[in-house]
Amino acid sequence: MTNKYLNQLADTFLKFESRKEVTDFLKGIMTPQELIEIPQRLEIVRRLKQGDTQRKIAEDLGVGIATVTRGSRELKKGRFK
């Protein structure tokens, strides 16, 4: 994805005034599987921040260790505040 399109997406999110607007938008542009996977990735990051082990997170969420490791790498890069 080019920076132009990523920036347009970010600008779109900044214009929303309610959670309902955001969820309606996401339901309109994402597949049902993406609606499961994206929030799940946020949960991975939340649990990593809280100190859960990668193995425990993978087991609890039913995801591969590589998915959790990716979240851990991005967290270490400072991408999540």
N, C-alpha and C. Protein backbone atom coordinates (compact mmCIF):
# COMPACT_ATOMS: atom_id res chain seq x y z
N MET A 1 0.86 -1.18 0.00
CA MET A 1 0.00 0.00 0.00
C MET A 1 0.90 1.23 0.00
N THR A 2 0.60 2.17 -0.85
CA THR A 2 1.41 3.37 -0.91
C THR A 2 1.06 4.29 0.25
N ASN A 3 1.99 5.17 0.58
CA ASN A 3 1.74 6.13 1.66
C ASN A 3 0.51 6.98 1.38
N LYS A 4 0.28 7.29 0.11
CA LYS A 4 -0.88 8.11 -0.26
C LYS A 4 -2.18 7.46 0.22
N TYR A 5 -2.34 6.18 -0.05
CA TYR A 5 -3.57 5.48 0.32
C TYR A 5 -3.65 5.24 1.82
N LEU A 6 -2.52 4.96 2.42
CA LEU A 6 -2.50 4.78 3.87
C LEU A 6 -2.86 6.09 4.56
N ASN A 7 -2.34 7.19 4.05
CA ASN A 7 -2.67 8.50 4.61
C ASN A 7 -4.15 8.83 4.42
N GLN A 8 -4.70 8.46 3.27
CA GLN A 8 -6.13 8.68 3.05
C GLN A 8 -6.97 7.88 4.04
N LEU A 9 -6.56 6.66 4.31
CA LEU A 9 -7.28 5.83 5.28
C LEU A 9 -7.20 6.46 6.68
N ALA A 10 -6.01 6.89 7.06
CA ALA A 10 -5.84 7.54 8.36
C ALA A 10 -6.70 8.80 8.46
N ASP A 11 -6.71 9.59 7.40
CA ASP A 11 -7.54 10.81 7.39
C ASP A 11 -9.02 10.47 7.53
N THR A 12 -9.44 9.38 6.92
CA THR A 12 -10.84 8.95 7.03
C THR A 12 -11.17 8.63 8.48
N PHE A 13 -10.30 7.90 9.15
CA PHE A 13 -10.54 7.57 10.55
C PHE A 13 -10.62 8.82 11.43
N LEU A 14 -9.80 9.80 11.13
CA LEU A 14 -9.80 11.02 11.93
C LEU A 14 -11.09 11.82 11.82
N LYS A 15 -11.85 11.58 10.77
CA LYS A 15 -13.10 12.32 10.56
C LYS A 15 -14.30 11.72 11.29
N PHE A 16 -14.18 10.48 11.74
CA PHE A 16 -15.31 9.84 12.41
C PHE A 16 -15.59 10.49 13.75
N GLU A 17 -16.88 10.56 14.08
CA GLU A 17 -17.28 11.19 15.33
C GLU A 17 -17.80 10.20 16.36
N SER A 18 -17.98 8.95 15.95
CA SER A 18 -18.50 7.97 16.91
C SER A 18 -17.95 6.59 16.62
N ARG A 19 -18.02 5.73 17.61
CA ARG A 19 -17.60 4.35 17.45
C ARG A 19 -18.46 3.65 16.40
N LYS A 20 -19.75 3.96 16.37
CA LYS A 20 -20.65 3.35 15.40
C LYS A 20 -20.22 3.69 13.97
N GLU A 21 -19.83 4.93 13.73
CA GLU A 21 -19.36 5.31 12.39
C GLU A 21 -18.14 4.48 12.00
N VAL A 22 -17.23 4.29 12.94
CA VAL A 22 -16.02 3.51 12.66
C VAL A 22 -16.37 2.06 12.37
N THR A 23 -17.20 1.46 13.23
CA THR A 23 -17.53 0.04 13.03
C THR A 23 -18.33 -0.16 11.74
N ASP A 24 -19.24 0.76 11.43
CA ASP A 24 -19.98 0.65 10.16
C ASP A 24 -19.02 0.72 8.97
N PHE A 25 -18.08 1.63 9.03
CA PHE A 25 -17.08 1.77 7.96
C PHE A 25 -16.27 0.49 7.82
N LEU A 26 -15.77 -0.03 8.95
CA LEU A 26 -14.96 -1.24 8.91
C LEU A 26 -15.75 -2.42 8.36
N LYS A 27 -17.00 -2.54 8.76
CA LYS A 27 -17.83 -3.63 8.25
C LYS A 27 -18.06 -3.50 6.74
N GLY A 28 -18.01 -2.28 6.25
CA GLY A 28 -18.21 -2.04 4.82
C GLY A 28 -16.99 -2.33 3.97
N ILE A 29 -15.79 -2.18 4.54
CA ILE A 29 -14.58 -2.36 3.72
C ILE A 29 -13.82 -3.64 4.01
N MET A 30 -14.13 -4.30 5.11
CA MET A 30 -13.39 -5.50 5.49
C MET A 30 -14.21 -6.76 5.25
N THR A 31 -13.51 -7.84 5.01
CA THR A 31 -14.17 -9.14 4.91
C THR A 31 -14.50 -9.62 6.33
N PRO A 32 -15.42 -10.58 6.45
CA PRO A 32 -15.70 -11.14 7.78
C PRO A 32 -14.43 -11.67 8.47
N GLN A 33 -13.54 -12.28 7.70
CA GLN A 33 -12.31 -12.80 8.29
C GLN A 33 -11.40 -11.67 8.79
N GLU A 34 -11.31 -10.59 8.04
CA GLU A 34 -10.51 -9.44 8.47
C GLU A 34 -11.09 -8.82 9.74
N LEU A 35 -12.41 -8.84 9.87
CA LEU A 35 -13.06 -8.30 11.06
C LEU A 35 -12.74 -9.13 12.30
N ILE A 36 -12.31 -10.36 12.11
CA ILE A 36 -11.86 -11.21 13.22
C ILE A 36 -10.37 -11.00 13.46
N GLU A 37 -9.59 -11.01 12.39
CA GLU A 37 -8.14 -11.00 12.50
C GLU A 37 -7.56 -9.67 13.00
N ILE A 38 -8.08 -8.56 12.52
CA ILE A 38 -7.50 -7.26 12.91
C ILE A 38 -7.70 -6.99 14.41
N PRO A 39 -8.92 -7.14 14.94
CA PRO A 39 -9.07 -6.97 16.39
C PRO A 39 -8.25 -7.98 17.18
N GLN A 40 -8.10 -9.18 16.64
CA GLN A 40 -7.30 -10.20 17.30
C GLN A 40 -5.84 -9.75 17.40
N ARG A 41 -5.35 -9.11 16.38
CA ARG A 41 -3.97 -8.60 16.42
C ARG A 41 -3.81 -7.51 17.48
N LEU A 42 -4.84 -6.70 17.62
CA LEU A 42 -4.79 -5.69 18.69
C LEU A 42 -4.79 -6.35 20.06
N GLU A 43 -5.54 -7.43 20.21
CA GLU A 43 -5.55 -8.17 21.47
C GLU A 43 -4.19 -8.79 21.73
N ILE A 44 -3.52 -9.26 20.70
CA ILE A 44 -2.17 -9.79 20.87
C ILE A 44 -1.24 -8.72 21.44
N VAL A 45 -1.28 -7.53 20.87
CA VAL A 45 -0.42 -6.45 21.34
C VAL A 45 -0.78 -6.07 22.78
N ARG A 46 -2.07 -5.99 23.07
CA ARG A 46 -2.51 -5.65 24.43
C ARG A 46 -1.96 -6.66 25.43
N ARG A 47 -2.04 -7.94 25.09
CA ARG A 47 -1.58 -8.99 26.00
C ARG A 47 -0.06 -9.02 26.10
N LEU A 48 0.63 -8.71 25.02
CA LEU A 48 2.09 -8.61 25.10
C LEU A 48 2.49 -7.48 26.03
N LYS A 49 1.82 -6.35 25.92
CA LYS A 49 2.11 -5.21 26.80
C LYS A 49 1.87 -5.55 28.26
N GLN A 50 0.88 -6.41 28.49
CA GLN A 50 0.53 -6.78 29.86
C GLN A 50 1.49 -7.83 30.42
N GLY A 51 2.34 -8.39 29.54
CA GLY A 51 3.37 -9.31 29.99
C GLY A 51 3.09 -10.77 29.76
N ASP A 52 2.01 -11.10 29.07
CA ASP A 52 1.72 -12.51 28.77
C ASP A 52 2.78 -13.06 27.82
N THR A 53 3.07 -14.34 27.94
CA THR A 53 4.06 -14.96 27.05
C THR A 53 3.46 -15.16 25.66
N GLN A 54 4.34 -15.18 24.68
CA GLN A 54 3.89 -15.40 23.31
C GLN A 54 3.18 -16.74 23.17
N ARG A 55 3.71 -17.75 23.80
CA ARG A 55 3.11 -19.08 23.70
C ARG A 55 1.71 -19.10 24.30
N LYS A 56 1.53 -18.45 25.45
CA LYS A 56 0.22 -18.40 26.12
C LYS A 56 -0.79 -17.66 25.24
N ILE A 57 -0.37 -16.55 24.67
CA ILE A 57 -1.26 -15.76 23.80
C ILE A 57 -1.68 -16.60 22.60
N ALA A 58 -0.71 -17.25 21.97
CA ALA A 58 -1.01 -18.08 20.79
C ALA A 58 -2.01 -19.18 21.14
N GLU A 59 -1.80 -19.84 22.27
CA GLU A 59 -2.71 -20.90 22.69
C GLU A 59 -4.10 -20.36 22.99
N ASP A 60 -4.17 -19.28 23.75
CA ASP A 60 -5.46 -18.72 24.16
C ASP A 60 -6.28 -18.22 22.98
N LEU A 61 -5.61 -17.60 22.01
CA LEU A 61 -6.32 -17.01 20.88
C LEU A 61 -6.43 -17.94 19.68
N GLY A 62 -5.75 -19.07 19.74
CA GLY A 62 -5.81 -20.02 18.64
C GLY A 62 -5.12 -19.51 17.38
N VAL A 63 -4.02 -18.79 17.56
CA VAL A 63 -3.26 -18.27 16.43
C VAL A 63 -1.87 -18.89 16.45
N GLY A 64 -1.17 -18.76 15.33
CA GLY A 64 0.19 -19.28 15.25
C GLY A 64 1.16 -18.40 16.02
N ILE A 65 2.22 -19.02 16.48
CA ILE A 65 3.25 -18.28 17.21
C ILE A 65 3.86 -17.19 16.33
N ALA A 66 3.91 -17.41 15.01
CA ALA A 66 4.46 -16.40 14.11
C ALA A 66 3.63 -15.12 14.13
N THR A 67 2.31 -15.26 14.26
CA THR A 67 1.44 -14.09 14.33
C THR A 67 1.73 -13.28 15.59
N VAL A 68 1.93 -13.97 16.69
CA VAL A 68 2.23 -13.29 17.96
C VAL A 68 3.62 -12.67 17.90
N THR A 69 4.57 -13.39 17.31
CA THR A 69 5.93 -12.87 17.19
C THR A 69 5.96 -11.60 16.35
N ARG A 70 5.17 -11.56 15.31
CA ARG A 70 5.10 -10.35 14.48
C ARG A 70 4.62 -9.16 15.32
N GLY A 71 3.59 -9.38 16.12
CA GLY A 71 3.11 -8.33 17.01
C GLY A 71 4.19 -7.90 17.99
N SER A 72 4.95 -8.84 18.49
CA SER A 72 6.03 -8.53 19.43
C SER A 72 7.11 -7.68 18.77
N ARG A 73 7.47 -8.04 17.54
CA ARG A 73 8.48 -7.25 16.80
C ARG A 73 8.02 -5.82 16.59
N GLU A 74 6.77 -5.66 16.19
CA GLU A 74 6.25 -4.31 15.94
C GLU A 74 6.15 -3.51 17.23
N LEU A 75 5.83 -4.18 18.32
CA LEU A 75 5.77 -3.53 19.62
C LEU A 75 7.16 -3.02 20.01
N LYS A 76 8.18 -3.84 19.78
CA LYS A 76 9.56 -3.45 20.09
C LYS A 76 10.02 -2.28 19.24
N LYS A 77 9.47 -2.14 18.03
CA LYS A 77 9.81 -1.01 17.16
C LYS A 77 9.13 0.27 17.62
N GLY A 78 8.22 0.15 18.58
CA GLY A 78 7.53 1.33 19.10
C GLY A 78 6.32 1.74 18.27
N ARG A 79 5.77 0.83 17.51
CA ARG A 79 4.63 1.17 16.65
C ARG A 79 3.32 1.29 17.43
N PHE A 80 3.26 0.74 18.63
CA PHE A 80 2.02 0.77 19.40
C PHE A 80 2.27 1.55 20.68
N LYS A 81 1.39 2.48 20.96
CA LYS A 81 1.53 3.29 22.18
C LYS A 81 0.52 2.88 23.20
